[in-house]
C-alpha cells in the first residue's frame, strides 16, 4: 500500500474519531425537508443527516487492530491498546499512526525504552513532525526529564506556533517544575 494511502486513511480515521463525540448528541428530525419557500413539503420523505455513507467506507482487515487500539487507548486501557497497536504495526509496518500510538501506550505503561524505539520508527517513516515532537516531549515530562521535554515542546511549537495542545503541555511542564510536593514528614538523606 502506498505511504500516502495509509496516511490518508489514518488521518480520516482520526478525524472521524474526533467527530464522533460531537455527533453522539445529534438527533434526527421527523420533519420533511424544507422546500424553496422554507416550508416542509409533505410529499417528500423525511431525511436523516449522515456523516459517511456506509457504501463509501472501505474496510481493510488490517485496520481492525488500529481501531481497537485507539478505542482502548481513549478508554485508558493502555495495556490492551499496546497489544493492538503492536498488532497494527506488525500488519502495517509503515503506518505512522500505529507507531505513534504504540509509543504513547508504552509511555502510559512506563516502558520508556520501548516508547523511544517506537518514536524512532515513526521518525524514520515521516520525520520529526509536530505530533511526534509533542508526544516525545510529553514522554520526557512523564519521565521527569524536564529539560528534554521543554526542548521537544519548543521544537513542536516552532512548527505550529498557535497549537493549543503544545501550549497546554508547556503550561503543565511549567507547573510541574515549579511545584514539587513532598510529604510533610520527608527527611533529607543523611
N, C-alpha and C. Protein backbone atom coordinates (compact mmCIF):
# COMPACT_ATOMS: atom_id res chain seq x y z
N UNK A 1 0.83 -1.16 0.00
CA UNK A 1 0.00 0.00 0.00
C UNK A 1 0.89 1.25 0.00
N UNK A 2 0.47 2.27 -0.72
CA UNK A 2 1.28 3.48 -0.80
C UNK A 2 1.27 4.21 0.54
N UNK A 3 2.37 4.90 0.78
CA UNK A 3 2.53 5.63 2.05
C UNK A 3 1.43 6.67 2.20
N UNK A 4 1.08 7.36 1.10
CA UNK A 4 0.05 8.40 1.18
C UNK A 4 -1.31 7.80 1.45
N UNK A 5 -1.60 6.59 0.96
CA UNK A 5 -2.88 5.95 1.22
C UNK A 5 -3.01 5.64 2.70
N UNK A 6 -1.98 5.12 3.31
CA UNK A 6 -2.00 4.80 4.74
C UNK A 6 -2.18 6.07 5.55
N UNK A 7 -1.45 7.13 5.17
CA UNK A 7 -1.58 8.40 5.90
C UNK A 7 -2.98 8.94 5.76
N UNK A 8 -3.54 8.89 4.54
CA UNK A 8 -4.87 9.43 4.32
C UNK A 8 -5.91 8.66 5.13
N UNK A 9 -5.80 7.32 5.14
CA UNK A 9 -6.73 6.52 5.91
C UNK A 9 -6.59 6.81 7.40
N UNK A 10 -5.37 6.93 7.87
CA UNK A 10 -5.14 7.20 9.29
C UNK A 10 -5.71 8.56 9.68
N UNK A 11 -5.47 9.56 8.85
CA UNK A 11 -6.00 10.91 9.16
C UNK A 11 -7.52 10.90 9.13
N UNK A 12 -8.11 10.20 8.16
CA UNK A 12 -9.57 10.14 8.08
C UNK A 12 -10.14 9.43 9.31
N UNK A 13 -9.47 8.38 9.76
CA UNK A 13 -9.93 7.65 10.94
C UNK A 13 -9.84 8.53 12.18
N UNK A 14 -8.75 9.25 12.33
CA UNK A 14 -8.58 10.12 13.49
C UNK A 14 -9.62 11.23 13.47
N UNK A 15 -9.86 11.81 12.28
CA UNK A 15 -10.87 12.87 12.15
C UNK A 15 -12.25 12.33 12.51
N UNK A 16 -12.56 11.13 12.05
CA UNK A 16 -13.86 10.53 12.37
C UNK A 16 -13.97 10.28 13.88
N UNK A 17 -12.87 9.85 14.50
CA UNK A 17 -12.87 9.62 15.94
C UNK A 17 -13.09 10.90 16.73
N UNK A 18 -12.54 12.01 16.22
CA UNK A 18 -12.73 13.28 16.90
C UNK A 18 -14.14 13.82 16.72
N UNK A 19 -14.78 13.50 15.59
CA UNK A 19 -16.13 13.97 15.33
C UNK A 19 -17.19 13.15 16.06
N UNK A 20 -16.88 11.90 16.39
CA UNK A 20 -17.86 11.01 17.00
C UNK A 20 -18.48 11.59 18.27
N UNK A 21 -17.68 12.10 19.23
CA UNK A 21 -18.32 12.65 20.44
C UNK A 21 -19.27 13.80 20.14
N UNK A 22 -18.96 14.59 19.11
CA UNK A 22 -19.83 15.72 18.77
C UNK A 22 -21.14 15.22 18.18
N UNK A 23 -21.08 14.10 17.48
CA UNK A 23 -22.26 13.60 16.81
C UNK A 23 -23.16 12.77 17.72
N UNK A 24 -22.65 12.31 18.84
CA UNK A 24 -23.43 11.49 19.74
C UNK A 24 -24.66 12.24 20.21
N UNK A 25 -24.55 13.53 20.42
CA UNK A 25 -25.67 14.32 20.89
C UNK A 25 -26.64 14.72 19.79
N UNK A 26 -26.31 14.49 18.53
CA UNK A 26 -27.19 14.86 17.43
C UNK A 26 -28.43 14.00 17.42
N UNK A 27 -29.53 14.62 17.05
CA UNK A 27 -30.77 13.88 16.93
C UNK A 27 -31.35 14.14 15.55
N UNK A 28 -32.12 13.18 15.06
CA UNK A 28 -32.75 13.35 13.76
C UNK A 28 -34.10 13.99 13.94
N UNK A 29 -34.64 14.49 12.86
CA UNK A 29 -35.92 15.16 12.89
C UNK A 29 -36.93 14.36 12.09
N UNK A 30 -38.18 14.39 12.50
CA UNK A 30 -39.24 13.71 11.77
C UNK A 30 -39.81 14.60 10.68
N UNK A 31 -39.33 15.83 10.58
CA UNK A 31 -39.85 16.76 9.60
C UNK A 31 -39.35 16.42 8.21
N UNK A 32 -40.17 16.70 7.23
CA UNK A 32 -39.75 16.54 5.85
C UNK A 32 -38.82 17.69 5.52
N UNK A 33 -37.97 17.54 4.49
CA UNK A 33 -37.05 18.61 4.15
C UNK A 33 -37.81 19.85 3.68
N UNK A 34 -37.28 21.05 3.97
CA UNK A 34 -37.98 22.26 3.57
C UNK A 34 -37.92 22.47 2.06
N UNK A 35 -38.94 23.12 1.54
CA UNK A 35 -38.97 23.48 0.12
C UNK A 35 -38.24 24.79 -0.05
N UNK A 36 -38.24 25.33 -1.25
CA UNK A 36 -37.56 26.60 -1.52
C UNK A 36 -38.15 27.71 -0.68
N UNK A 37 -39.43 27.60 -0.35
CA UNK A 37 -40.09 28.64 0.44
C UNK A 37 -39.80 28.48 1.93
N UNK A 38 -39.12 27.38 2.30
CA UNK A 38 -38.78 27.18 3.70
C UNK A 38 -39.82 26.38 4.46
N UNK A 39 -40.92 25.98 3.80
CA UNK A 39 -41.97 25.22 4.43
C UNK A 39 -41.78 23.75 4.03
N UNK A 40 -41.88 22.81 4.98
CA UNK A 40 -41.70 21.41 4.64
C UNK A 40 -42.72 20.94 3.62
N UNK A 41 -42.26 20.13 2.68
CA UNK A 41 -43.14 19.57 1.66
C UNK A 41 -43.52 18.17 2.12
N UNK A 42 -44.80 17.94 2.38
CA UNK A 42 -45.28 16.68 2.91
C UNK A 42 -45.08 15.53 1.94
N UNK A 43 -44.91 15.82 0.65
CA UNK A 43 -44.77 14.74 -0.33
C UNK A 43 -43.34 14.17 -0.34
N UNK A 44 -42.39 14.88 0.25
CA UNK A 44 -41.01 14.40 0.29
C UNK A 44 -40.77 13.61 1.57
N UNK A 45 -39.97 12.55 1.50
CA UNK A 45 -39.70 11.77 2.72
C UNK A 45 -38.79 12.54 3.68
N UNK A 46 -38.90 12.21 4.95
CA UNK A 46 -38.02 12.82 5.95
C UNK A 46 -36.60 12.35 5.70
N UNK A 47 -35.63 13.22 5.98
CA UNK A 47 -34.23 12.87 5.77
C UNK A 47 -33.52 12.74 7.10
N UNK A 48 -32.50 11.94 7.08
CA UNK A 48 -31.64 11.77 8.25
C UNK A 48 -30.24 12.14 7.82
N UNK A 49 -29.63 13.15 8.46
CA UNK A 49 -28.28 13.51 8.06
C UNK A 49 -27.30 12.39 8.39
N UNK A 50 -26.37 12.16 7.48
CA UNK A 50 -25.35 11.14 7.71
C UNK A 50 -23.97 11.76 7.56
N UNK A 51 -23.02 11.19 8.24
CA UNK A 51 -21.65 11.66 8.15
C UNK A 51 -20.95 10.96 7.00
N UNK A 52 -21.07 9.65 6.96
CA UNK A 52 -20.42 8.86 5.92
C UNK A 52 -21.42 7.84 5.41
N UNK A 53 -21.53 7.74 4.11
CA UNK A 53 -22.38 6.73 3.52
C UNK A 53 -21.69 5.39 3.69
N UNK A 54 -22.33 4.41 4.37
CA UNK A 54 -21.67 3.13 4.61
C UNK A 54 -21.17 2.46 3.34
N UNK A 55 -21.81 2.73 2.22
CA UNK A 55 -21.35 2.14 0.96
C UNK A 55 -20.02 2.70 0.51
N UNK A 56 -19.66 3.89 0.99
CA UNK A 56 -18.40 4.53 0.60
C UNK A 56 -17.22 4.08 1.45
N UNK A 57 -17.49 3.48 2.60
CA UNK A 57 -16.43 3.09 3.51
C UNK A 57 -15.83 1.77 3.04
N UNK A 58 -14.52 1.77 2.90
CA UNK A 58 -13.83 0.54 2.53
C UNK A 58 -13.21 -0.05 3.78
N UNK A 59 -13.43 -1.32 3.98
CA UNK A 59 -12.90 -2.00 5.15
C UNK A 59 -11.65 -2.77 4.76
N UNK A 60 -10.63 -2.59 5.52
CA UNK A 60 -9.40 -3.34 5.34
C UNK A 60 -9.18 -4.13 6.62
N UNK A 61 -9.04 -5.45 6.53
CA UNK A 61 -8.86 -6.24 7.75
C UNK A 61 -7.70 -5.76 8.61
N UNK A 62 -6.68 -5.18 7.99
CA UNK A 62 -5.53 -4.72 8.77
C UNK A 62 -5.86 -3.49 9.60
N UNK A 63 -7.00 -2.84 9.34
CA UNK A 63 -7.39 -1.66 10.11
C UNK A 63 -7.98 -2.00 11.47
N UNK A 64 -8.49 -3.20 11.63
CA UNK A 64 -9.18 -3.56 12.86
C UNK A 64 -8.30 -3.40 14.11
N UNK A 65 -7.04 -3.87 14.10
CA UNK A 65 -6.23 -3.67 15.31
C UNK A 65 -6.03 -2.18 15.64
N UNK A 66 -5.88 -1.35 14.62
CA UNK A 66 -5.70 0.09 14.86
C UNK A 66 -6.96 0.68 15.47
N UNK A 67 -8.14 0.31 14.94
CA UNK A 67 -9.40 0.80 15.51
C UNK A 67 -9.53 0.39 16.97
N UNK A 68 -9.25 -0.87 17.25
CA UNK A 68 -9.35 -1.35 18.63
C UNK A 68 -8.32 -0.68 19.54
N UNK A 69 -7.12 -0.48 19.02
CA UNK A 69 -6.06 0.16 19.81
C UNK A 69 -6.46 1.57 20.21
N UNK A 70 -6.95 2.34 19.27
CA UNK A 70 -7.35 3.72 19.56
C UNK A 70 -8.51 3.74 20.54
N UNK A 71 -9.45 2.83 20.36
CA UNK A 71 -10.59 2.77 21.28
C UNK A 71 -10.12 2.46 22.71
N UNK A 72 -9.25 1.47 22.85
CA UNK A 72 -8.77 1.11 24.19
C UNK A 72 -7.91 2.22 24.79
N UNK A 73 -7.09 2.87 23.97
CA UNK A 73 -6.26 3.97 24.47
C UNK A 73 -7.16 5.09 25.01
N UNK A 74 -8.19 5.45 24.24
CA UNK A 74 -9.09 6.52 24.67
C UNK A 74 -9.85 6.17 25.93
N UNK A 75 -10.03 4.90 26.20
CA UNK A 75 -10.71 4.45 27.43
C UNK A 75 -9.74 4.30 28.60
N UNK A 76 -8.45 4.46 28.34
CA UNK A 76 -7.46 4.35 29.41
C UNK A 76 -6.97 2.93 29.62
N UNK A 77 -7.30 2.02 28.72
CA UNK A 77 -6.83 0.64 28.80
C UNK A 77 -5.51 0.53 28.03
N UNK A 78 -4.44 1.03 28.62
CA UNK A 78 -3.18 1.17 27.89
C UNK A 78 -2.51 -0.17 27.57
N UNK A 79 -2.69 -1.16 28.42
CA UNK A 79 -2.14 -2.48 28.13
C UNK A 79 -2.78 -3.10 26.90
N UNK A 80 -4.11 -3.04 26.82
CA UNK A 80 -4.80 -3.55 25.64
C UNK A 80 -4.48 -2.71 24.41
N UNK A 81 -4.40 -1.40 24.60
CA UNK A 81 -4.05 -0.52 23.48
C UNK A 81 -2.68 -0.89 22.94
N UNK A 82 -1.71 -1.12 23.83
CA UNK A 82 -0.37 -1.50 23.39
C UNK A 82 -0.42 -2.80 22.60
N UNK A 83 -1.20 -3.76 23.06
CA UNK A 83 -1.33 -5.05 22.37
C UNK A 83 -1.84 -4.84 20.94
N UNK A 84 -2.89 -4.05 20.79
CA UNK A 84 -3.48 -3.84 19.47
C UNK A 84 -2.61 -2.94 18.58
N UNK A 85 -1.96 -1.93 19.18
CA UNK A 85 -1.03 -1.12 18.37
C UNK A 85 0.13 -1.98 17.88
N UNK A 86 0.61 -2.89 18.73
CA UNK A 86 1.69 -3.79 18.32
C UNK A 86 1.23 -4.65 17.14
N UNK A 87 0.02 -5.16 17.21
CA UNK A 87 -0.55 -5.95 16.11
C UNK A 87 -0.67 -5.09 14.85
N UNK A 88 -1.07 -3.83 15.03
CA UNK A 88 -1.22 -2.93 13.88
C UNK A 88 0.12 -2.66 13.20
N UNK A 89 1.18 -2.43 13.97
CA UNK A 89 2.47 -2.16 13.33
C UNK A 89 3.05 -3.42 12.70
N UNK A 90 2.69 -4.59 13.22
CA UNK A 90 3.14 -5.82 12.59
C UNK A 90 2.43 -6.06 11.26
N UNK A 91 1.16 -5.65 11.18
CA UNK A 91 0.40 -5.83 9.94
C UNK A 91 0.68 -4.73 8.93
N UNK A 92 0.98 -3.54 9.41
CA UNK A 92 1.26 -2.40 8.52
C UNK A 92 2.46 -1.65 9.09
N UNK A 93 3.68 -2.14 8.84
CA UNK A 93 4.87 -1.54 9.46
C UNK A 93 5.18 -0.10 9.03
N UNK A 94 4.52 0.38 8.01
CA UNK A 94 4.76 1.76 7.57
C UNK A 94 3.65 2.71 8.01
N UNK A 95 2.81 2.27 8.93
CA UNK A 95 1.71 3.08 9.44
C UNK A 95 2.21 3.93 10.61
N UNK A 96 2.45 5.18 10.34
CA UNK A 96 2.99 6.10 11.35
C UNK A 96 2.04 6.25 12.52
N UNK A 97 0.75 6.30 12.25
CA UNK A 97 -0.24 6.44 13.32
C UNK A 97 -0.13 5.29 14.32
N UNK A 98 0.04 4.09 13.81
CA UNK A 98 0.16 2.93 14.69
C UNK A 98 1.44 3.01 15.52
N UNK A 99 2.54 3.47 14.92
CA UNK A 99 3.80 3.59 15.67
C UNK A 99 3.68 4.65 16.77
N UNK A 100 3.05 5.78 16.45
CA UNK A 100 2.88 6.84 17.46
C UNK A 100 1.98 6.35 18.59
N UNK A 101 0.90 5.65 18.23
CA UNK A 101 0.02 5.09 19.25
C UNK A 101 0.72 4.07 20.12
N UNK A 102 1.56 3.24 19.50
CA UNK A 102 2.32 2.26 20.26
C UNK A 102 3.25 2.96 21.25
N UNK A 103 3.93 4.00 20.78
CA UNK A 103 4.84 4.75 21.65
C UNK A 103 4.07 5.39 22.81
N UNK A 104 2.93 5.99 22.51
CA UNK A 104 2.13 6.63 23.57
C UNK A 104 1.63 5.60 24.58
N UNK A 105 1.28 4.41 24.10
CA UNK A 105 0.85 3.35 25.02
C UNK A 105 1.99 2.94 25.93
N UNK A 106 3.17 2.77 25.34
CA UNK A 106 4.33 2.43 26.16
C UNK A 106 4.63 3.52 27.18
N UNK A 107 4.46 4.78 26.79
CA UNK A 107 4.66 5.88 27.74
C UNK A 107 3.73 5.73 28.94
N UNK A 108 2.47 5.45 28.68
CA UNK A 108 1.49 5.33 29.76
C UNK A 108 1.74 4.11 30.63
N UNK A 109 2.42 3.10 30.06
CA UNK A 109 2.75 1.90 30.83
C UNK A 109 4.10 2.03 31.55
N UNK A 110 4.79 3.16 31.33
CA UNK A 110 6.09 3.37 31.96
C UNK A 110 7.22 2.62 31.28
N UNK A 111 7.03 2.13 30.07
CA UNK A 111 8.06 1.43 29.32
C UNK A 111 8.70 2.41 28.34
N UNK A 112 9.46 3.33 28.89
CA UNK A 112 10.02 4.42 28.10
C UNK A 112 11.07 3.93 27.10
N UNK A 113 11.78 2.85 27.43
CA UNK A 113 12.75 2.29 26.49
C UNK A 113 12.06 1.83 25.21
N UNK A 114 10.91 1.19 25.36
CA UNK A 114 10.16 0.73 24.19
C UNK A 114 9.46 1.90 23.49
N UNK A 115 9.06 2.90 24.25
CA UNK A 115 8.45 4.09 23.65
C UNK A 115 9.47 4.79 22.75
N UNK A 116 10.72 4.91 23.22
CA UNK A 116 11.76 5.54 22.40
C UNK A 116 11.95 4.81 21.08
N UNK A 117 11.91 3.48 21.11
CA UNK A 117 12.06 2.69 19.88
C UNK A 117 10.91 2.97 18.92
N UNK A 118 9.70 3.04 19.45
CA UNK A 118 8.53 3.28 18.61
C UNK A 118 8.56 4.70 18.03
N UNK A 119 8.96 5.69 18.84
CA UNK A 119 9.09 7.06 18.30
C UNK A 119 10.15 7.10 17.20
N UNK A 120 11.25 6.40 17.41
CA UNK A 120 12.32 6.35 16.41
C UNK A 120 11.80 5.76 15.09
N UNK A 121 11.00 4.70 15.18
CA UNK A 121 10.43 4.09 13.97
C UNK A 121 9.50 5.07 13.26
N UNK A 122 8.70 5.82 14.01
CA UNK A 122 7.80 6.81 13.40
C UNK A 122 8.59 7.93 12.74
N UNK A 123 9.68 8.36 13.38
CA UNK A 123 10.51 9.43 12.81
C UNK A 123 11.18 8.94 11.53
N UNK A 124 11.62 7.69 11.50
CA UNK A 124 12.23 7.14 10.29
C UNK A 124 11.24 7.16 9.13
N UNK A 125 9.97 6.97 9.40
CA UNK A 125 8.96 6.93 8.35
C UNK A 125 8.52 8.31 7.90
N UNK A 126 8.38 9.24 8.83
CA UNK A 126 7.78 10.53 8.48
C UNK A 126 8.60 11.76 8.87
N UNK A 127 9.67 11.58 9.60
CA UNK A 127 10.45 12.73 10.06
C UNK A 127 9.90 13.26 11.36
N UNK A 128 10.52 14.31 11.87
CA UNK A 128 10.09 14.89 13.14
C UNK A 128 8.91 15.83 12.92
N UNK A 129 7.72 15.27 12.96
CA UNK A 129 6.50 16.05 12.79
C UNK A 129 6.12 16.71 14.10
N UNK A 130 5.18 17.62 14.03
CA UNK A 130 4.67 18.30 15.22
C UNK A 130 4.16 17.28 16.23
N UNK A 131 3.34 16.33 15.75
CA UNK A 131 2.73 15.36 16.65
C UNK A 131 3.78 14.49 17.35
N UNK A 132 4.77 14.04 16.60
CA UNK A 132 5.80 13.19 17.20
C UNK A 132 6.61 13.98 18.23
N UNK A 133 6.99 15.20 17.88
CA UNK A 133 7.76 16.03 18.82
C UNK A 133 6.97 16.32 20.09
N UNK A 134 5.68 16.64 19.92
CA UNK A 134 4.84 16.91 21.08
C UNK A 134 4.73 15.67 21.96
N UNK A 135 4.52 14.51 21.33
CA UNK A 135 4.39 13.28 22.11
C UNK A 135 5.70 12.92 22.80
N UNK A 136 6.82 13.12 22.12
CA UNK A 136 8.11 12.86 22.76
C UNK A 136 8.32 13.79 23.96
N UNK A 137 7.92 15.04 23.80
CA UNK A 137 8.03 15.98 24.91
C UNK A 137 7.21 15.53 26.10
N UNK A 138 6.01 15.05 25.83
CA UNK A 138 5.16 14.55 26.91
C UNK A 138 5.79 13.32 27.56
N UNK A 139 6.39 12.47 26.73
CA UNK A 139 7.08 11.28 27.24
C UNK A 139 8.20 11.68 28.20
N UNK A 140 8.99 12.66 27.80
CA UNK A 140 10.07 13.12 28.68
C UNK A 140 9.52 13.75 29.95
N UNK A 141 8.38 14.43 29.84
CA UNK A 141 7.78 15.03 31.02
C UNK A 141 7.33 13.94 31.99
N UNK A 142 6.76 12.85 31.46
CA UNK A 142 6.35 11.73 32.32
C UNK A 142 7.55 11.11 33.04
N UNK A 143 8.70 11.13 32.38
CA UNK A 143 9.91 10.54 32.96
C UNK A 143 10.57 11.46 33.98
N UNK A 144 10.16 12.74 33.99
CA UNK A 144 10.80 13.71 34.87
C UNK A 144 12.00 14.38 34.23
N UNK A 145 12.23 14.16 32.95
CA UNK A 145 13.35 14.80 32.23
C UNK A 145 12.82 16.10 31.61
N UNK A 146 12.72 17.11 32.46
CA UNK A 146 12.02 18.33 32.09
C UNK A 146 12.76 19.17 31.04
N UNK A 147 14.09 19.17 31.06
CA UNK A 147 14.83 19.94 30.06
C UNK A 147 14.64 19.36 28.66
N UNK A 148 14.70 18.04 28.56
CA UNK A 148 14.46 17.39 27.27
C UNK A 148 13.03 17.61 26.82
N UNK A 149 12.08 17.56 27.75
CA UNK A 149 10.68 17.79 27.43
C UNK A 149 10.50 19.20 26.86
N UNK A 150 11.10 20.20 27.54
CA UNK A 150 10.97 21.58 27.08
C UNK A 150 11.55 21.75 25.67
N UNK A 151 12.68 21.10 25.39
CA UNK A 151 13.30 21.22 24.06
C UNK A 151 12.37 20.64 22.99
N UNK A 152 11.75 19.50 23.26
CA UNK A 152 10.83 18.88 22.29
C UNK A 152 9.60 19.76 22.09
N UNK A 153 9.04 20.27 23.19
CA UNK A 153 7.87 21.14 23.08
C UNK A 153 8.21 22.42 22.31
N UNK A 154 9.39 22.97 22.55
CA UNK A 154 9.79 24.20 21.85
C UNK A 154 9.91 23.95 20.35
N UNK A 155 10.48 22.81 19.97
CA UNK A 155 10.60 22.49 18.55
C UNK A 155 9.22 22.28 17.94
N UNK A 156 8.34 21.60 18.66
CA UNK A 156 6.97 21.39 18.17
C UNK A 156 6.26 22.73 18.02
N UNK A 157 6.46 23.63 18.98
CA UNK A 157 5.83 24.94 18.93
C UNK A 157 6.35 25.77 17.76
N UNK A 158 7.61 25.58 17.39
CA UNK A 158 8.14 26.30 16.24
C UNK A 158 7.50 25.84 14.93
N UNK A 159 7.03 24.59 14.91
CA UNK A 159 6.35 24.07 13.71
C UNK A 159 4.90 24.54 13.65
N UNK A 160 4.24 24.62 14.80
CA UNK A 160 2.85 25.08 14.88
C UNK A 160 2.72 26.04 16.06
N UNK A 161 3.03 27.32 15.83
CA UNK A 161 3.13 28.29 16.93
C UNK A 161 1.85 28.50 17.75
N UNK A 162 0.68 28.32 17.17
CA UNK A 162 -0.55 28.59 17.91
C UNK A 162 -1.27 27.33 18.35
N UNK A 163 -0.61 26.20 18.32
CA UNK A 163 -1.28 24.95 18.65
C UNK A 163 -1.59 24.89 20.15
N UNK A 164 -2.87 24.74 20.50
CA UNK A 164 -3.24 24.75 21.92
C UNK A 164 -2.74 23.53 22.69
N UNK A 165 -2.52 22.41 22.02
CA UNK A 165 -2.07 21.21 22.72
C UNK A 165 -0.66 21.41 23.27
N UNK A 166 0.24 21.89 22.43
CA UNK A 166 1.62 22.08 22.91
C UNK A 166 1.70 23.23 23.90
N UNK A 167 0.89 24.24 23.71
CA UNK A 167 0.86 25.35 24.67
C UNK A 167 0.40 24.84 26.04
N UNK A 168 -0.62 23.99 26.04
CA UNK A 168 -1.10 23.40 27.29
C UNK A 168 -0.02 22.51 27.92
N UNK A 169 0.68 21.74 27.09
CA UNK A 169 1.75 20.89 27.62
C UNK A 169 2.88 21.71 28.22
N UNK A 170 3.17 22.85 27.64
CA UNK A 170 4.19 23.74 28.22
C UNK A 170 3.72 24.29 29.57
N UNK A 171 2.42 24.58 29.67
CA UNK A 171 1.88 25.04 30.96
C UNK A 171 1.98 23.92 32.01
N UNK A 172 1.67 22.70 31.60
CA UNK A 172 1.81 21.57 32.52
C UNK A 172 3.26 21.40 32.96
N UNK A 173 4.16 21.55 32.01
CA UNK A 173 5.59 21.42 32.31
C UNK A 173 6.03 22.50 33.29
N UNK A 174 5.61 23.73 33.04
CA UNK A 174 5.95 24.82 33.95
C UNK A 174 5.41 24.56 35.35
N UNK A 175 4.16 24.08 35.42
CA UNK A 175 3.55 23.81 36.72
C UNK A 175 4.29 22.69 37.44
N UNK A 176 4.69 21.67 36.70
CA UNK A 176 5.35 20.54 37.35
C UNK A 176 6.76 20.89 37.81
N UNK A 177 7.40 21.83 37.13
CA UNK A 177 8.76 22.18 37.54
C UNK A 177 8.77 23.18 38.70
N UNK A 178 7.68 23.91 38.89
CA UNK A 178 7.63 24.90 39.97
C UNK A 178 7.11 24.34 41.28
N UNK A 179 6.25 23.35 41.19
CA UNK A 179 5.56 22.87 42.37
C UNK A 179 5.92 21.43 42.67
N UNK A 180 6.97 21.26 43.41
CA UNK A 180 7.37 19.93 43.85
C UNK A 180 6.70 19.70 45.20
N UNK A 181 5.90 18.67 45.28
CA UNK A 181 5.17 18.38 46.52
C UNK A 181 5.87 17.23 47.23
N UNK A 182 6.21 17.49 48.46
CA UNK A 182 6.86 16.46 49.28
C UNK A 182 5.96 16.13 50.46
N UNK A 183 6.12 14.94 50.94
CA UNK A 183 5.36 14.53 52.13
C UNK A 183 5.83 15.38 53.31
N UNK A 184 4.92 15.74 54.21
CA UNK A 184 5.29 16.59 55.33
C UNK A 184 6.37 15.99 56.22
N UNK A 185 6.44 14.68 56.29
CA UNK A 185 7.42 14.06 57.16
C UNK A 185 8.69 13.63 56.40
N UNK A 186 8.86 14.13 55.19
CA UNK A 186 10.05 13.77 54.39
C UNK A 186 11.30 14.35 55.02
N UNK A 187 12.29 13.51 55.16
CA UNK A 187 13.57 13.92 55.74
C UNK A 187 14.64 13.89 54.66
N UNK A 188 15.56 14.83 54.68
CA UNK A 188 16.65 14.79 53.72
C UNK A 188 17.57 13.60 53.99
N UNK A 189 18.22 13.07 52.99
CA UNK A 189 19.13 11.93 53.21
C UNK A 189 20.28 12.32 54.13
N UNK A 190 20.75 11.37 54.92
CA UNK A 190 21.84 11.65 55.86
C UNK A 190 23.07 10.89 55.50
